[in-house]
Amino acid sequence: MPDLIALSVQQAGIILEENGMCPGKRSDTYSASVAKDHVIAQVPSPGTITARGECVNLLVSLGGRPRVYKMPDLQGLSLGQALTLIQKANLFTGEVNSDFKKFKTRNSILRQEPPAGQNVLEGSFVNLVVNREPGRNDLLPLTGPTYGKLFRYRCEVGFLKRHIRIELVKAGETDDFFDDYVSPGEEVWLVIPSDKDTIVCVYEDEQLTGYWSLDAGHWISEARYAIRAAR
């Protein structure tokens, strides 16, 4: 039996295949000493005489146990302040939706999920509802040491949900950033990485509605996009 301990799961799989063995049951647990997705223990143990075709059970590391944080109270803060606190707590921004309350401060946080005071694991996503009056699509500048710009796209009013797909194009590479069905009049809010020369492409029901230049901060024509993409 080969020694698989401390190898990655991929490496272990290759070695088992080369020796005519098969992967058996896999169990996962946290480990402070073994890297994530690497083998902590195996059965049969290394050096054991085994027959070809035997399956090997693996105990695989999930990495260090994540820290637990108490969810900060974001309600009433500005969007920029909320995003900064989320970062400092080693959390991530999830969905950012909008609602409008006339007597609340514009662009302040109305609701949050998870709620304030709840214990959350490091790396969890935080969903926000921002007090924002429906209007034109735009990029909102964020204050503080945030990690991107907030892109807001509003679907046209109608009767049926629309399939919205948003792509990011940088250095000739395209990544899907958002892909979901959105109700008429609903707004999609996304925190876009603020890299220069990034183009945001928006599709409704697979029809391209426009290109947004993150660097220039406005919609650009298809011809101009083609020129930028060719650089």
C-alpha atoms as a PDB file:
ATOM      1  CA  MET A   1       0.000   0.000   0.000  1.00  0.00           C
ATOM      2  CA  PRO A   2       1.524   3.354  -1.061  1.00  0.00           C
ATOM      3  CA  ASP A   3       1.816   6.213   1.420  1.00  0.00           C
ATOM      4  CA  LEU A   4      -0.835   8.825   0.545  1.00  0.00           C
ATOM      5  CA  ILE A   5      -0.644  10.885   3.732  1.00  0.00           C
ATOM      6  CA  ALA A   6      -0.083  14.641   3.178  1.00  0.00           C
ATOM      7  CA  LEU A   7      -0.663  14.266  -0.570  1.00  0.00           C
ATOM      8  CA  SER A   8      -3.447  16.159  -2.306  1.00  0.00           C
ATOM      9  CA  VAL A   9      -6.623  14.229  -3.113  1.00  0.00           C
ATOM     10  CA  GLN A  10      -5.781  14.528  -6.823  1.00  0.00           C
ATOM     11  CA  GLN A  11      -2.270  13.107  -6.316  1.00  0.00           C
ATOM     12  CA  ALA A  12      -3.637  10.289  -4.154  1.00  0.00           C
ATOM     13  CA  GLY A  13      -6.172   9.395  -6.846  1.00  0.00           C
ATOM     14  CA  ILE A  14      -3.476   9.210  -9.513  1.00  0.00           C
ATOM     15  CA  ILE A  15      -1.258   6.958  -7.359  1.00  0.00           C
ATOM     16  CA  LEU A  16      -4.174   4.632  -6.560  1.00  0.00           C
ATOM     17  CA  GLU A  17      -5.027   4.343 -10.240  1.00  0.00           C
ATOM     18  CA  GLU A  18      -1.389   3.634 -11.164  1.00  0.00           C
ATOM     19  CA  ASN A  19      -1.328   0.824  -8.564  1.00  0.00           C
ATOM     20  CA  GLY A  20      -4.593  -0.725  -9.713  1.00  0.00           C
ATOM     21  CA  MET A  21      -6.551   0.398  -6.649  1.00  0.00           C
ATOM     22  CA  CYS A  22      -9.770   2.350  -6.322  1.00  0.00           C
ATOM     23  CA  PRO A  23     -10.827   5.232  -4.056  1.00  0.00           C
ATOM     24  CA  GLY A  24     -13.135   4.067  -1.265  1.00  0.00           C
ATOM     25  CA  LYS A  25     -15.094   6.160   1.216  1.00  0.00           C
ATOM     26  CA  ARG A  26     -13.992   9.734   1.819  1.00  0.00           C
ATOM     27  CA  SER A  27     -14.429  11.527   5.136  1.00  0.00           C
ATOM     28  CA  ASP A  28     -13.577  15.176   5.790  1.00  0.00           C
ATOM     29  CA  THR A  29     -12.527  16.959   8.974  1.00  0.00           C
ATOM     30  CA  TYR A  30     -10.797  20.163  10.029  1.00  0.00           C
ATOM     31  CA  SER A  31      -7.060  20.061  10.601  1.00  0.00           C
ATOM     32  CA  ALA A  32      -4.654  22.731  11.818  1.00  0.00           C
ATOM     33  CA  SER A  33      -1.611  20.821  10.531  1.00  0.00           C
ATOM     34  CA  VAL A  34      -2.671  19.398   7.152  1.00  0.00           C
ATOM     35  CA  ALA A  35      -3.520  21.653   4.200  1.00  0.00           C
ATOM     36  CA  LYS A  36      -7.037  21.717   2.775  1.00  0.00           C
ATOM     37  CA  ASP A  37      -7.871  18.862   0.357  1.00  0.00           C
ATOM     38  CA  HIS A  38      -4.834  16.841   1.485  1.00  0.00           C
ATOM     39  CA  VAL A  39      -4.906  13.381   3.025  1.00  0.00           C
ATOM     40  CA  ILE A  40      -4.762  13.123   6.839  1.00  0.00           C
ATOM     41  CA  ALA A  41      -5.082   9.327   7.133  1.00  0.00           C
ATOM     42  CA  GLN A  42      -5.814   6.255   5.019  1.00  0.00           C
ATOM     43  CA  VAL A  43      -7.179   2.728   5.445  1.00  0.00           C
ATOM     44  CA  PRO A  44      -5.416   0.362   4.723  1.00  0.00           C
ATOM     45  CA  SER A  45      -2.388   2.089   6.242  1.00  0.00           C
ATOM     46  CA  PRO A  46       0.854   2.709   4.286  1.00  0.00           C
ATOM     47  CA  GLY A  47       3.056  -0.369   3.813  1.00  0.00           C
ATOM     48  CA  THR A  48       0.226  -2.873   4.266  1.00  0.00           C
ATOM     49  CA  ILE A  49       0.256  -5.794   1.795  1.00  0.00           C
ATOM     50  CA  THR A  50      -2.918  -5.502  -0.272  1.00  0.00           C
ATOM     51  CA  ALA A  51      -4.425  -7.041  -3.386  1.00  0.00           C
ATOM     52  CA  ARG A  52      -4.829  -5.100  -6.610  1.00  0.00           C
ATOM     53  CA  GLY A  53      -8.331  -3.703  -6.993  1.00  0.00           C
ATOM     54  CA  GLU A  54      -8.745  -3.009  -3.282  1.00  0.00           C
ATOM     55  CA  CYS A  55     -10.443   0.286  -2.377  1.00  0.00           C
ATOM     56  CA  VAL A  56      -8.752   2.771  -0.054  1.00  0.00           C
ATOM     57  CA  ASN A  57     -10.666   4.971   2.397  1.00  0.00           C
ATOM     58  CA  LEU A  58      -9.314   8.479   2.912  1.00  0.00           C
ATOM     59  CA  LEU A  59      -9.651  11.078   5.662  1.00  0.00           C
ATOM     60  CA  VAL A  60      -9.235  14.475   3.991  1.00  0.00           C
ATOM     61  CA  SER A  61      -8.495  17.859   5.551  1.00  0.00           C
ATOM     62  CA  LEU A  62     -10.942  20.774   5.343  1.00  0.00           C
ATOM     63  CA  GLY A  63      -8.121  23.071   6.434  1.00  0.00           C
ATOM     64  CA  GLY A  64      -8.106  25.022   9.673  1.00  0.00           C
ATOM     65  CA  ARG A  65     -11.383  25.354  11.521  1.00  0.00           C
ATOM     66  CA  PRO A  66     -12.973  28.679  10.480  1.00  0.00           C
ATOM     67  CA  ARG A  67     -13.291  31.402  13.079  1.00  0.00           C
ATOM     68  CA  VAL A  68     -16.693  32.386  14.404  1.00  0.00           C
ATOM     69  CA  TYR A  69     -17.641  36.075  14.377  1.00  0.00           C
ATOM     70  CA  LYS A  70     -20.578  37.942  15.841  1.00  0.00           C
ATOM     71  CA  MET A  71     -22.501  39.545  12.973  1.00  0.00           C
ATOM     72  CA  PRO A  72     -22.158  43.365  13.213  1.00  0.00           C
ATOM     73  CA  ASP A  73     -25.231  45.604  13.111  1.00  0.00           C
ATOM     74  CA  LEU A  74     -25.252  47.220   9.658  1.00  0.00           C
ATOM     75  CA  GLN A  75     -28.717  48.767   9.669  1.00  0.00           C
ATOM     76  CA  GLY A  76     -28.658  52.531   9.253  1.00  0.00           C
ATOM     77  CA  LEU A  77     -25.057  52.589   8.010  1.00  0.00           C
ATOM     78  CA  SER A  78     -24.144  53.816   4.547  1.00  0.00           C
ATOM     79  CA  LEU A  79     -23.481  51.146   1.943  1.00  0.00           C
ATOM     80  CA  GLY A  80     -19.768  51.966   1.942  1.00  0.00           C
ATOM     81  CA  GLN A  81     -19.531  51.702   5.737  1.00  0.00           C
ATOM     82  CA  ALA A  82     -21.370  48.363   5.677  1.00  0.00           C
ATOM     83  CA  LEU A  83     -19.076  46.888   3.010  1.00  0.00           C
ATOM     84  CA  THR A  84     -16.022  47.991   4.979  1.00  0.00           C
ATOM     85  CA  LEU A  85     -17.301  46.285   8.163  1.00  0.00           C
ATOM     86  CA  ILE A  86     -18.107  43.124   6.201  1.00  0.00           C
ATOM     87  CA  GLN A  87     -14.521  43.039   4.932  1.00  0.00           C
ATOM     88  CA  LYS A  88     -13.015  43.636   8.370  1.00  0.00           C
ATOM     89  CA  ALA A  89     -15.038  40.726   9.766  1.00  0.00           C
ATOM     90  CA  ASN A  90     -13.603  38.392   7.069  1.00  0.00           C
ATOM     91  CA  LEU A  91     -17.052  38.007   5.529  1.00  0.00           C
ATOM     92  CA  PHE A  92     -18.177  38.413   1.924  1.00  0.00           C
ATOM     93  CA  THR A  93     -20.894  40.535   0.332  1.00  0.00           C
ATOM     94  CA  GLY A  94     -23.710  38.396  -1.079  1.00  0.00           C
ATOM     95  CA  GLU A  95     -26.857  39.740  -2.729  1.00  0.00           C
ATOM     96  CA  VAL A  96     -27.413  43.507  -2.565  1.00  0.00           C
ATOM     97  CA  ASN A  97     -31.059  44.390  -3.244  1.00  0.00           C
ATOM     98  CA  SER A  98     -32.901  47.691  -3.088  1.00  0.00           C
ATOM     99  CA  ASP A  99     -36.049  48.978  -1.427  1.00  0.00           C
ATOM    100  CA  PHE A 100     -37.185  52.544  -0.882  1.00  0.00           C
ATOM    101  CA  LYS A 101     -38.330  54.068   2.406  1.00  0.00           C
ATOM    102  CA  LYS A 102     -39.069  57.774   2.074  1.00  0.00           C
ATOM    103  CA  PHE A 103     -38.079  58.723   5.617  1.00  0.00           C
ATOM    104  CA  LYS A 104     -34.870  56.656   5.728  1.00  0.00           C
ATOM    105  CA  THR A 105     -31.443  57.901   4.643  1.00  0.00           C
ATOM    106  CA  ARG A 106     -30.739  57.293   0.964  1.00  0.00           C
ATOM    107  CA  ASN A 107     -28.223  54.455   0.306  1.00  0.00           C
ATOM    108  CA  SER A 108     -28.416  53.316   3.941  1.00  0.00           C
ATOM    109  CA  ILE A 109     -28.860  49.681   4.968  1.00  0.00           C
ATOM    110  CA  LEU A 110     -32.493  48.778   5.644  1.00  0.00           C
ATOM    111  CA  ARG A 111     -32.119  45.056   6.311  1.00  0.00           C
ATOM    112  CA  GLN A 112     -29.378  42.446   6.536  1.00  0.00           C
ATOM    113  CA  GLU A 113     -29.071  38.669   6.552  1.00  0.00           C
ATOM    114  CA  PRO A 114     -27.679  37.164   8.798  1.00  0.00           C
ATOM    115  CA  PRO A 115     -29.162  39.481  11.453  1.00  0.00           C
ATOM    116  CA  ALA A 116     -27.030  41.501  13.862  1.00  0.00           C
ATOM    117  CA  GLY A 117     -25.653  39.540  16.823  1.00  0.00           C
ATOM    118  CA  GLN A 118     -25.880  36.108  15.185  1.00  0.00           C
ATOM    119  CA  ASN A 119     -22.751  33.937  15.150  1.00  0.00           C
ATOM    120  CA  VAL A 120     -21.385  33.506  11.610  1.00  0.00           C
ATOM    121  CA  LEU A 121     -18.450  31.538  10.229  1.00  0.00           C
ATOM    122  CA  GLU A 122     -15.495  33.277   8.608  1.00  0.00           C
ATOM    123  CA  GLY A 123     -16.075  33.533   4.863  1.00  0.00           C
ATOM    124  CA  SER A 124     -19.883  33.577   5.114  1.00  0.00           C
ATOM    125  CA  PHE A 125     -21.946  35.738   2.747  1.00  0.00           C
ATOM    126  CA  VAL A 126     -23.944  38.743   3.954  1.00  0.00           C
ATOM    127  CA  ASN A 127     -27.037  39.852   2.025  1.00  0.00           C
ATOM    128  CA  LEU A 128     -28.096  43.497   2.171  1.00  0.00           C
ATOM    129  CA  VAL A 129     -31.151  45.593   1.335  1.00  0.00           C
ATOM    130  CA  VAL A 130     -30.262  49.226   0.571  1.00  0.00           C
ATOM    131  CA  ASN A 131     -32.566  52.244   0.679  1.00  0.00           C
ATOM    132  CA  ARG A 132     -32.390  53.253  -2.964  1.00  0.00           C
ATOM    133  CA  GLU A 133     -35.045  54.907  -5.081  1.00  0.00           C
ATOM    134  CA  PRO A 134     -35.535  53.174  -8.458  1.00  0.00           C
ATOM    135  CA  GLY A 135     -33.823  55.070 -11.251  1.00  0.00           C
ATOM    136  CA  ARG A 136     -31.286  54.834 -14.015  1.00  0.00           C
ATOM    137  CA  ASN A 137     -28.582  52.176 -14.095  1.00  0.00           C
ATOM    138  CA  ASP A 138     -25.284  53.386 -12.706  1.00  0.00           C
ATOM    139  CA  LEU A 139     -22.077  52.638 -10.843  1.00  0.00           C
ATOM    140  CA  LEU A 140     -22.118  53.916  -7.276  1.00  0.00           C
ATOM    141  CA  PRO A 141     -18.796  55.061  -5.797  1.00  0.00           C
ATOM    142  CA  LEU A 142     -18.050  53.379  -2.475  1.00  0.00           C
ATOM    143  CA  THR A 143     -16.242  55.041   0.424  1.00  0.00           C
ATOM    144  CA  GLY A 144     -13.559  53.450   2.554  1.00  0.00           C
ATOM    145  CA  PRO A 145     -11.142  50.602   1.764  1.00  0.00           C
ATOM    146  CA  THR A 146     -13.637  48.525  -0.210  1.00  0.00           C
ATOM    147  CA  TYR A 147     -12.663  45.992  -2.854  1.00  0.00           C
ATOM    148  CA  GLY A 148     -14.721  47.093  -5.848  1.00  0.00           C
ATOM    149  CA  LYS A 149     -17.459  49.272  -7.253  1.00  0.00           C
ATOM    150  CA  LEU A 150     -21.161  48.674  -6.929  1.00  0.00           C
ATOM    151  CA  PHE A 151     -22.834  48.058 -10.284  1.00  0.00           C
ATOM    152  CA  ARG A 152     -26.610  48.491 -10.378  1.00  0.00           C
ATOM    153  CA  TYR A 153     -28.762  47.283 -13.263  1.00  0.00           C
ATOM    154  CA  ARG A 154     -32.545  47.679 -13.347  1.00  0.00           C
ATOM    155  CA  CYS A 155     -34.826  45.504 -15.468  1.00  0.00           C
ATOM    156  CA  GLU A 156     -37.472  47.191 -17.561  1.00  0.00           C
ATOM    157  CA  VAL A 157     -41.053  47.133 -16.288  1.00  0.00           C
ATOM    158  CA  GLY A 158     -43.161  44.318 -17.744  1.00  0.00           C
ATOM    159  CA  PHE A 159     -45.039  41.138 -16.838  1.00  0.00           C
ATOM    160  CA  LEU A 160     -42.516  38.290 -17.041  1.00  0.00           C
ATOM    161  CA  LYS A 161     -39.224  37.600 -15.337  1.00  0.00           C
ATOM    162  CA  ARG A 162     -36.146  38.165 -17.454  1.00  0.00           C
ATOM    163  CA  HIS A 163     -33.026  36.048 -17.662  1.00  0.00           C
ATOM    164  CA  ILE A 164     -30.185  38.390 -16.708  1.00  0.00           C
ATOM    165  CA  ARG A 165     -26.598  37.358 -17.369  1.00  0.00           C
ATOM    166  CA  ILE A 166     -23.673  39.653 -16.588  1.00  0.00           C
ATOM    167  CA  GLU A 167     -20.173  38.931 -17.853  1.00  0.00           C
ATOM    168  CA  LEU A 168     -16.837  40.514 -16.956  1.00  0.00           C
ATOM    169  CA  VAL A 169     -14.299  40.817 -19.769  1.00  0.00           C
ATOM    170  CA  LYS A 170     -10.659  41.576 -18.980  1.00  0.00           C
ATOM    171  CA  ALA A 171      -7.549  40.952 -21.076  1.00  0.00           C
ATOM    172  CA  GLY A 172      -9.562  38.896 -23.552  1.00  0.00           C
ATOM    173  CA  GLU A 173     -10.911  36.516 -20.879  1.00  0.00           C
ATOM    174  CA  THR A 174     -14.624  36.300 -20.082  1.00  0.00           C
ATOM    175  CA  ASP A 175     -16.131  35.251 -16.744  1.00  0.00           C
ATOM    176  CA  ASP A 176     -19.825  34.846 -15.887  1.00  0.00           C
ATOM    177  CA  PHE A 177     -20.438  37.071 -12.851  1.00  0.00           C
ATOM    178  CA  PHE A 178     -24.223  36.854 -12.487  1.00  0.00           C
ATOM    179  CA  ASP A 179     -26.781  34.477 -14.051  1.00  0.00           C
ATOM    180  CA  ASP A 180     -30.359  34.450 -12.744  1.00  0.00           C
ATOM    181  CA  TYR A 181     -34.003  35.293 -13.465  1.00  0.00           C
ATOM    182  CA  VAL A 182     -35.062  38.763 -12.302  1.00  0.00           C
ATOM    183  CA  SER A 183     -38.561  40.203 -11.847  1.00  0.00           C
ATOM    184  CA  PRO A 184     -39.671  43.228 -13.931  1.00  0.00           C
ATOM    185  CA  GLY A 185     -38.520  46.484 -12.361  1.00  0.00           C
ATOM    186  CA  GLU A 186     -36.188  44.657  -9.946  1.00  0.00           C
ATOM    187  CA  GLU A 187     -32.623  45.889  -9.553  1.00  0.00           C
ATOM    188  CA  VAL A 188     -29.488  43.746  -9.609  1.00  0.00           C
ATOM    189  CA  TRP A 189     -26.674  45.047  -7.405  1.00  0.00           C
ATOM    190  CA  LEU A 190     -23.188  43.582  -7.765  1.00  0.00           C
ATOM    191  CA  VAL A 191     -19.819  44.479  -6.268  1.00  0.00           C
ATOM    192  CA  ILE A 192     -17.516  44.477  -9.308  1.00  0.00           C
ATOM    193  CA  PRO A 193     -13.718  44.130  -8.805  1.00  0.00           C
ATOM    194  CA  SER A 194     -12.326  47.579  -9.616  1.00  0.00           C
ATOM    195  CA  ASP A 195      -9.653  46.485 -12.096  1.00  0.00           C
ATOM    196  CA  LYS A 196      -8.943  48.873 -14.935  1.00  0.00           C
ATOM    197  CA  ASP A 197      -9.871  47.849 -18.501  1.00  0.00           C
ATOM    198  CA  THR A 198     -12.647  45.604 -17.200  1.00  0.00           C
ATOM    199  CA  ILE A 199     -15.798  45.607 -19.358  1.00  0.00           C
ATOM    200  CA  VAL A 200     -19.197  44.636 -17.939  1.00  0.00           C
ATOM    201  CA  CYS A 201     -21.468  42.984 -20.531  1.00  0.00           C
ATOM    202  CA  VAL A 202     -25.180  42.787 -19.694  1.00  0.00           C
ATOM    203  CA  TYR A 203     -27.569  40.347 -21.391  1.00  0.00           C
ATOM    204  CA  GLU A 204     -31.371  40.172 -21.036  1.00  0.00           C
ATOM    205  CA  ASP A 205     -32.858  36.902 -22.295  1.00  0.00           C
ATOM    206  CA  GLU A 206     -29.556  36.300 -24.104  1.00  0.00           C
ATOM    207  CA  GLN A 207     -29.831  39.646 -25.923  1.00  0.00           C
ATOM    208  CA  LEU A 208     -26.934  42.021 -25.278  1.00  0.00           C
ATOM    209  CA  THR A 209     -28.216  45.282 -23.788  1.00  0.00           C
ATOM    210  CA  GLY A 210     -24.875  47.096 -23.522  1.00  0.00           C
ATOM    211  CA  TYR A 211     -21.257  47.319 -22.432  1.00  0.00           C
ATOM    212  CA  TRP A 212     -20.154  49.182 -19.320  1.00  0.00           C
ATOM    213  CA  SER A 213     -16.581  50.457 -19.045  1.00  0.00           C
ATOM    214  CA  LEU A 214     -15.448  50.109 -15.444  1.00  0.00           C
ATOM    215  CA  ASP A 215     -12.486  52.376 -16.142  1.00  0.00           C
ATOM    216  CA  ALA A 216     -14.459  55.143 -17.890  1.00  0.00           C
ATOM    217  CA  GLY A 217     -17.552  54.766 -15.699  1.00  0.00           C
ATOM    218  CA  HIS A 218     -20.200  54.808 -18.435  1.00  0.00           C
ATOM    219  CA  TRP A 219     -21.857  52.713 -21.142  1.00  0.00           C
ATOM    220  CA  ILE A 220     -19.834  52.391 -24.352  1.00  0.00           C
ATOM    221  CA  SER A 221     -20.770  51.524 -27.922  1.00  0.00           C
ATOM    222  CA  GLU A 222     -20.243  48.073 -29.435  1.00  0.00           C
ATOM    223  CA  ALA A 223     -17.689  49.459 -31.890  1.00  0.00           C
ATOM    224  CA  ARG A 224     -15.679  51.103 -29.127  1.00  0.00           C
ATOM    225  CA  TYR A 225     -15.839  47.917 -27.060  1.00  0.00           C
ATOM    226  CA  ALA A 226     -14.419  45.946 -30.005  1.00  0.00           C
ATOM    227  CA  ILE A 227     -11.515  48.393 -30.211  1.00  0.00           C
ATOM    228  CA  ARG A 228     -10.801  48.112 -26.450  1.00  0.00           C
ATOM    229  CA  ALA A 229     -11.060  44.306 -26.525  1.00  0.00           C
ATOM    230  CA  ALA A 230      -8.548  44.141 -29.376  1.00  0.00           C
ATOM    231  CA  ARG A 231      -5.885  46.039 -27.442  1.00  0.00           C
END
